[in-house]
N, C-alpha and C. Protein backbone atom coordinates (compact mmCIF):
# COMPACT_ATOMS: atom_id res chain seq x y z
N UNK A 1 79.54 85.61 120.07
CA UNK A 1 79.96 86.80 119.65
C UNK A 1 79.74 86.33 117.67
N UNK A 2 79.64 87.80 117.81
CA UNK A 2 79.57 88.27 116.10
C UNK A 2 80.65 88.08 115.50
N UNK A 3 80.94 87.57 113.98
CA UNK A 3 81.44 87.99 113.25
C UNK A 3 82.52 89.33 112.95
N UNK A 4 83.57 89.45 112.86
CA UNK A 4 84.31 90.75 112.73
C UNK A 4 83.89 91.36 111.29
N UNK A 5 83.94 92.29 110.96
CA UNK A 5 83.81 93.17 109.45
C UNK A 5 85.11 93.04 109.15
N UNK A 6 85.80 93.07 107.42
CA UNK A 6 86.77 93.64 107.60
C UNK A 6 87.03 95.63 107.85
N UNK A 7 88.02 95.65 108.35
CA UNK A 7 88.34 96.71 108.35
C UNK A 7 88.83 96.92 107.09
N UNK A 8 89.44 96.53 106.09
CA UNK A 8 89.72 96.93 105.05
C UNK A 8 89.15 96.23 103.59
N UNK A 9 88.32 97.55 102.54
CA UNK A 9 87.53 97.05 101.25
C UNK A 9 88.76 97.16 100.73
N UNK A 10 88.47 96.20 99.36
CA UNK A 10 89.04 96.70 98.74
C UNK A 10 88.03 96.26 97.03
N UNK A 11 88.30 97.23 96.05
CA UNK A 11 87.46 96.80 94.38
C UNK A 11 88.04 96.84 93.90
N UNK A 12 87.65 95.89 92.59
CA UNK A 12 88.12 94.74 91.88
C UNK A 12 88.21 95.30 90.67
N UNK A 13 88.67 96.23 89.77
CA UNK A 13 88.41 95.75 89.31
C UNK A 13 88.96 95.50 87.60
N UNK A 14 88.36 94.22 87.13
CA UNK A 14 88.42 93.76 85.93
C UNK A 14 87.32 93.12 84.57
N UNK A 15 87.46 92.74 83.22
CA UNK A 15 86.22 92.57 83.13
C UNK A 15 87.06 91.20 82.42
N UNK A 16 87.94 89.99 82.09
CA UNK A 16 87.97 88.72 83.31
C UNK A 16 87.13 88.28 84.13
N UNK A 17 86.42 87.34 84.15
CA UNK A 17 85.60 87.15 85.17
C UNK A 17 86.26 86.74 85.69
N UNK A 18 87.20 85.64 85.31
CA UNK A 18 88.20 84.36 85.75
C UNK A 18 88.76 85.21 87.06
N UNK A 19 90.16 85.82 86.09
CA UNK A 19 90.64 87.35 87.32
C UNK A 19 89.85 87.69 88.85
N UNK A 20 89.20 88.19 88.41
CA UNK A 20 87.98 89.02 88.91
C UNK A 20 87.37 88.28 90.22
N UNK A 21 86.92 86.73 90.27
CA UNK A 21 86.28 85.54 91.12
C UNK A 21 87.85 84.68 91.60
N UNK A 22 88.83 85.00 90.98
CA UNK A 22 89.70 84.50 91.50
C UNK A 22 90.55 84.88 93.05
N UNK A 23 90.96 86.38 92.41
CA UNK A 23 91.56 87.81 92.95
C UNK A 23 90.84 87.77 94.53
N UNK A 24 89.26 87.83 93.86
CA UNK A 24 87.98 88.20 94.89
C UNK A 24 88.28 86.82 95.86
N UNK A 25 88.23 86.01 95.56
CA UNK A 25 88.07 84.69 96.70
C UNK A 25 89.74 84.97 97.43
N UNK A 26 90.90 85.70 96.85
CA UNK A 26 92.14 85.00 97.51
C UNK A 26 91.64 85.93 98.20
N UNK A 27 91.45 87.56 97.98
CA UNK A 27 91.61 88.09 99.47
C UNK A 27 90.59 88.40 100.37
N UNK A 28 89.16 87.57 99.77
CA UNK A 28 88.18 87.39 101.56
C UNK A 28 88.57 86.44 101.87
N UNK A 29 89.94 85.12 100.98
CA UNK A 29 90.80 84.34 102.39
C UNK A 29 90.99 85.17 103.02
N UNK A 30 91.92 86.61 102.38
CA UNK A 30 93.25 87.03 103.24
C UNK A 30 92.42 87.59 104.52
N UNK A 31 91.92 87.51 104.54
CA UNK A 31 89.86 89.30 105.15
C UNK A 31 89.98 89.48 105.22
N UNK A 32 90.70 90.18 103.21
CA UNK A 32 89.43 91.36 103.32
C UNK A 32 87.94 91.55 102.54
N UNK A 33 87.46 92.73 103.10
CA UNK A 33 86.29 92.82 102.51
C UNK A 33 86.70 93.14 100.60
N UNK A 34 85.77 92.37 100.04
CA UNK A 34 85.96 92.50 98.69
C UNK A 34 85.36 92.77 97.91
N UNK A 35 84.41 92.71 96.60
CA UNK A 35 83.56 93.21 96.05
C UNK A 35 84.56 93.50 94.53
N UNK A 36 83.07 93.44 93.31
CA UNK A 36 84.37 93.08 91.78
C UNK A 36 83.43 93.76 91.06
N UNK A 37 83.78 94.17 90.18
CA UNK A 37 82.97 94.97 89.14
C UNK A 37 84.13 94.80 87.43
N UNK A 38 83.26 94.57 86.21
CA UNK A 38 83.23 93.91 84.59
C UNK A 38 83.76 95.69 84.23
N UNK A 39 83.09 96.64 85.06
CA UNK A 39 82.83 97.61 84.38
C UNK A 39 83.79 98.76 84.60
N UNK A 40 84.78 99.81 84.27
CA UNK A 40 85.47 101.12 84.98
C UNK A 40 85.35 101.83 84.72
N UNK A 41 83.17 102.42 83.88
CA UNK A 41 83.09 103.79 84.51
C UNK A 41 82.57 103.41 85.32
N UNK A 42 82.89 105.28 85.83
CA UNK A 42 81.72 105.79 87.44
C UNK A 42 81.80 104.48 87.75
N UNK A 43 82.90 104.26 88.27
CA UNK A 43 83.19 103.61 89.76
C UNK A 43 82.83 104.49 91.29
N UNK A 44 81.82 103.89 91.62
CA UNK A 44 81.16 104.44 93.36
C UNK A 44 82.75 103.75 94.45
N UNK A 45 83.15 104.20 94.84
CA UNK A 45 85.16 103.97 95.90
C UNK A 45 84.00 103.84 97.38
N UNK A 46 82.63 104.28 97.56
CA UNK A 46 82.05 104.56 98.83
C UNK A 46 82.91 104.54 100.22
N UNK A 47 83.53 103.05 100.88
CA UNK A 47 83.98 103.13 101.44
C UNK A 47 84.83 102.12 101.62
N UNK A 48 85.44 102.46 100.07
CA UNK A 48 86.28 100.75 99.74
C UNK A 48 87.89 101.57 99.95
N UNK A 49 88.56 100.87 100.43
CA UNK A 49 90.14 101.31 100.98
C UNK A 49 91.35 101.25 99.81
N UNK A 50 90.32 100.45 98.66
CA UNK A 50 91.73 100.21 97.87
C UNK A 50 91.00 100.07 96.21
N UNK A 51 91.70 100.14 95.88
CA UNK A 51 90.47 99.52 93.73
C UNK A 51 91.92 99.06 93.80
N UNK A 52 91.52 97.54 92.86
CA UNK A 52 93.05 97.19 91.95
C UNK A 52 92.08 97.65 90.48
N UNK A 53 92.50 98.15 89.67
CA UNK A 53 92.29 97.40 88.37
C UNK A 53 93.92 96.90 87.56
N UNK A 54 92.58 95.87 86.57
CA UNK A 54 93.65 94.99 84.87
C UNK A 54 93.28 96.06 84.20
N UNK A 55 94.56 97.18 84.20
CA UNK A 55 94.12 98.60 83.09
C UNK A 55 94.50 97.34 81.26
N UNK A 56 94.70 96.37 81.75
CA UNK A 56 94.80 95.63 80.31
C UNK A 56 93.58 95.31 79.44
N UNK A 57 91.87 95.32 79.87
CA UNK A 57 91.13 94.72 79.76
C UNK A 57 90.40 96.14 79.08
N UNK A 58 91.47 97.78 79.19
CA UNK A 58 90.12 98.77 78.85
C UNK A 58 91.07 99.49 78.17
N UNK A 59 90.50 100.57 77.35
CA UNK A 59 91.19 101.55 77.15
C UNK A 59 92.09 102.41 77.59
N UNK A 60 93.00 102.54 78.04
CA UNK A 60 94.09 103.32 78.55
C UNK A 60 93.77 104.91 78.66
N UNK A 61 93.33 105.08 77.54
CA UNK A 61 92.55 106.66 77.81
C UNK A 61 91.57 106.76 79.53
N UNK A 62 90.49 105.56 78.94
CA UNK A 62 89.42 105.78 80.18
C UNK A 62 89.95 105.31 81.13
N UNK A 63 90.63 103.97 80.73
CA UNK A 63 91.58 103.95 82.85
C UNK A 63 92.17 104.99 83.19
N UNK A 64 93.85 106.28 82.38
CA UNK A 64 93.52 107.46 83.05
C UNK A 64 93.32 108.52 83.72
N UNK A 65 91.39 108.16 82.56
CA UNK A 65 90.91 108.96 83.02
C UNK A 65 90.27 109.10 84.61
N UNK A 66 89.50 107.59 84.86
CA UNK A 66 89.52 107.22 85.85
C UNK A 66 90.58 106.78 87.14
N UNK A 67 91.48 106.56 87.06
CA UNK A 67 92.24 107.12 88.04
C UNK A 67 92.68 108.16 88.36
N UNK A 68 92.25 109.13 87.93
CA UNK A 68 93.15 110.79 87.84
C UNK A 68 91.34 111.42 88.49
N UNK A 69 90.47 110.38 87.97
CA UNK A 69 89.16 111.02 88.26
C UNK A 69 89.32 110.33 90.66
N UNK A 70 89.26 109.53 90.25
CA UNK A 70 89.45 108.68 91.37
C UNK A 70 90.44 109.52 92.62
N UNK A 71 91.96 109.95 92.04
CA UNK A 71 92.84 110.60 93.32
C UNK A 71 92.38 112.13 93.47
N UNK A 72 91.61 112.84 92.67
CA UNK A 72 91.07 113.91 93.11
C UNK A 72 90.22 113.19 94.25
N UNK A 73 89.21 113.10 93.80
CA UNK A 73 87.82 112.61 94.87
C UNK A 73 88.12 111.70 95.80
N UNK A 74 89.34 110.96 96.26
CA UNK A 74 89.56 110.22 96.91
C UNK A 74 90.97 110.13 97.34
N UNK A 75 91.94 110.99 97.48
CA UNK A 75 93.09 111.20 97.53
C UNK A 75 94.28 110.11 98.67
N UNK A 76 93.51 109.22 98.81
CA UNK A 76 93.95 108.18 100.33
C UNK A 76 93.30 107.17 100.09
N UNK A 77 92.90 107.12 98.60
CA UNK A 77 92.63 105.89 99.10
C UNK A 77 93.64 104.69 97.83
N UNK A 78 93.70 103.95 98.38
CA UNK A 78 95.11 103.17 97.18
C UNK A 78 94.32 102.88 96.13
N UNK A 79 95.66 103.06 95.50
CA UNK A 79 95.32 102.09 93.84
C UNK A 79 96.05 101.35 93.06
N UNK A 80 96.26 100.42 92.96
CA UNK A 80 97.13 99.97 91.90
C UNK A 80 96.26 99.20 90.98
N UNK A 81 97.69 99.09 89.87
CA UNK A 81 96.92 98.95 88.38
C UNK A 81 98.12 97.44 88.27
N UNK A 82 97.22 96.82 88.32
CA UNK A 82 98.52 95.40 87.58
C UNK A 82 98.18 95.11 85.72
N UNK A 83 99.78 94.98 85.46
CA UNK A 83 100.30 95.56 83.69
C UNK A 83 100.67 94.71 83.45
N UNK A 84 100.33 94.54 82.27
CA UNK A 84 101.44 94.21 80.86
C UNK A 84 102.16 95.25 80.56
N UNK A 85 101.98 96.00 81.08
CA UNK A 85 102.37 97.10 80.35
C UNK A 85 102.67 98.40 81.38
N UNK A 86 103.69 98.28 82.95
CA UNK A 86 103.86 99.22 83.49
C UNK A 86 104.10 100.49 82.84
N UNK A 87 104.96 100.79 82.14
CA UNK A 87 105.40 101.99 81.32
C UNK A 87 104.83 102.84 81.03
N UNK A 88 103.23 102.29 80.10
CA UNK A 88 102.34 102.84 79.72
C UNK A 88 101.72 104.23 81.14
N UNK A 89 101.76 102.92 82.50
CA UNK A 89 101.59 104.06 83.15
C UNK A 89 102.03 104.90 84.44
N UNK A 90 103.99 104.70 83.97
CA UNK A 90 104.50 104.77 84.72
C UNK A 90 104.40 106.42 85.72
N UNK A 91 103.86 108.21 84.60
CA UNK A 91 103.75 108.68 85.09
C UNK A 91 102.56 109.59 85.92
N UNK A 92 101.98 108.23 86.40
CA UNK A 92 100.80 107.55 87.31
C UNK A 92 101.53 108.42 88.55
N UNK A 93 102.57 107.43 88.83
CA UNK A 93 103.45 107.80 90.03
C UNK A 93 104.35 108.26 90.67
N UNK A 94 104.41 109.37 89.50
CA UNK A 94 105.13 110.64 89.20
C UNK A 94 104.68 111.83 90.12
N UNK A 95 103.95 111.85 91.69
CA UNK A 95 102.56 112.83 91.82
C UNK A 95 104.29 113.46 93.01
N UNK A 96 103.82 115.30 93.03
CA UNK A 96 104.54 115.83 94.67
C UNK A 96 102.87 116.18 95.60
N UNK A 97 101.87 116.00 95.16
CA UNK A 97 101.05 116.02 95.89
C UNK A 97 100.42 115.55 97.63
N UNK A 98 99.27 115.81 97.94
CA UNK A 98 99.02 114.00 98.23
C UNK A 98 98.42 113.74 99.14
N UNK A 99 98.16 113.45 97.17
CA UNK A 99 97.15 112.32 97.22
C UNK A 99 98.04 111.19 97.32
N UNK A 100 97.62 109.84 97.64
CA UNK A 100 98.76 108.75 97.20
C UNK A 100 98.60 108.31 96.22
N UNK A 101 100.01 107.72 95.76
CA UNK A 101 100.42 107.27 94.48
C UNK A 101 100.19 106.21 94.46
N UNK A 102 99.28 105.90 93.18
CA UNK A 102 99.42 103.95 92.68
C UNK A 102 100.02 104.19 92.17
N UNK A 103 100.07 102.30 92.49
CA UNK A 103 101.52 101.64 92.50
C UNK A 103 101.10 100.66 91.90
N UNK A 104 102.35 100.64 90.40
CA UNK A 104 101.83 99.98 89.54
C UNK A 104 102.32 98.44 89.56
N UNK A 105 102.20 97.56 89.25
CA UNK A 105 101.88 96.15 89.43
C UNK A 105 102.79 95.55 87.85
N UNK A 106 103.77 94.85 86.81
CA UNK A 106 103.60 94.59 86.36
C UNK A 106 103.25 93.00 86.36
N UNK A 107 102.80 92.50 85.73
CA UNK A 107 102.42 91.18 84.73
C UNK A 107 103.48 90.44 84.82
N UNK A 108 103.48 89.02 85.64
CA UNK A 108 101.99 88.52 86.01
C UNK A 108 102.66 88.94 87.36
N UNK A 109 101.78 88.84 87.08
CA UNK A 109 100.90 89.16 89.36
C UNK A 109 100.75 87.93 90.02
N UNK A 110 101.07 87.60 91.38
CA UNK A 110 100.38 86.61 91.98
C UNK A 110 99.24 87.11 92.94
N UNK A 111 98.43 86.49 93.79
CA UNK A 111 97.43 87.08 94.68
C UNK A 111 98.58 88.38 95.85
N UNK A 112 99.35 87.03 96.34
CA UNK A 112 100.45 87.73 97.19
C UNK A 112 101.04 88.62 97.79
N UNK A 113 100.98 89.01 96.04
CA UNK A 113 101.95 90.52 95.91
C UNK A 113 101.02 91.80 95.62
N UNK A 114 99.62 91.72 95.83
CA UNK A 114 98.09 92.59 95.65
C UNK A 114 98.41 92.52 96.86
N UNK A 115 98.15 91.63 97.41
CA UNK A 115 97.75 91.63 99.23
C UNK A 115 98.24 92.49 100.08
N UNK A 116 100.04 92.28 99.43
CA UNK A 116 101.38 92.49 100.39
C UNK A 116 101.69 94.01 100.34
N UNK A 117 101.08 94.19 98.69
CA UNK A 117 101.03 95.65 98.51
C UNK A 117 99.81 96.05 99.05
N UNK A 118 99.04 96.04 99.04
CA UNK A 118 97.57 96.45 100.22
C UNK A 118 97.82 96.49 101.07
N UNK A 119 98.49 96.02 102.12
CA UNK A 119 98.90 95.53 103.29
C UNK A 119 100.18 96.75 103.68
N UNK A 120 101.04 97.41 103.03
CA UNK A 120 102.13 97.96 102.79
C UNK A 120 101.55 99.17 102.91
N UNK A 121 100.52 99.71 102.75
CA UNK A 121 100.33 100.74 102.00
C UNK A 121 98.78 101.76 102.51
N UNK A 122 98.18 100.48 103.22
CA UNK A 122 96.93 100.97 103.87
C UNK A 122 97.11 100.73 105.59
N UNK A 123 98.28 99.61 106.14
CA UNK A 123 97.94 100.04 107.44
C UNK A 123 99.04 101.37 108.28
N UNK A 124 99.37 101.33 107.75
CA UNK A 124 100.09 103.05 107.66
C UNK A 124 98.53 103.72 108.50
N UNK A 125 98.03 103.98 107.12
CA UNK A 125 96.79 105.15 107.39
C UNK A 125 95.52 103.70 107.46
N UNK A 126 95.03 102.98 108.50
CA UNK A 126 94.31 102.53 110.04
C UNK A 126 95.63 102.79 110.79
N UNK A 127 96.59 103.35 111.36
CA UNK A 127 97.29 103.65 112.15
C UNK A 127 98.35 103.03 112.50
N UNK A 128 98.85 101.64 111.86
CA UNK A 128 99.82 100.76 112.45
C UNK A 128 98.88 99.18 112.46
N UNK A 129 97.37 99.34 112.33
CA UNK A 129 96.83 98.28 112.74
C UNK A 129 96.99 97.17 111.57
N UNK A 130 97.41 95.94 111.62
CA UNK A 130 97.37 95.16 111.49
C UNK A 130 96.76 94.65 110.05
N UNK A 131 97.19 94.31 108.62
CA UNK A 131 95.22 94.10 108.10
C UNK A 131 95.02 92.70 107.74
N UNK A 132 94.27 91.60 108.54
CA UNK A 132 94.71 90.21 108.16
C UNK A 132 95.24 89.93 106.87
């Protein structure tokens, strides 16, 4: 019997290695496919279902540019921003277009909060299939 591949792929963008490794480990143990990067620019979202940003570790302008680019290029991909300054990214959640609106999660945030947000947003896109 073969190993079942995760149907949800998540990219984590965090400059802090401990944050990156910790969330990758947690989401992987929950059955999600994960990959991580410590670089913000030119993300290759490929088959990614969701991207989790830790924007406080990067320039706000760079984050806004990347989120805007991804919304244009991949409108159905979930974007989560985990930040100490949620008001800084509030404008991103005001969308009236067909794209999926980014979710801004205030810090402190725990792995299960991020996992639940991914599950709630991605399951309807997978035809209601439960994300493990």
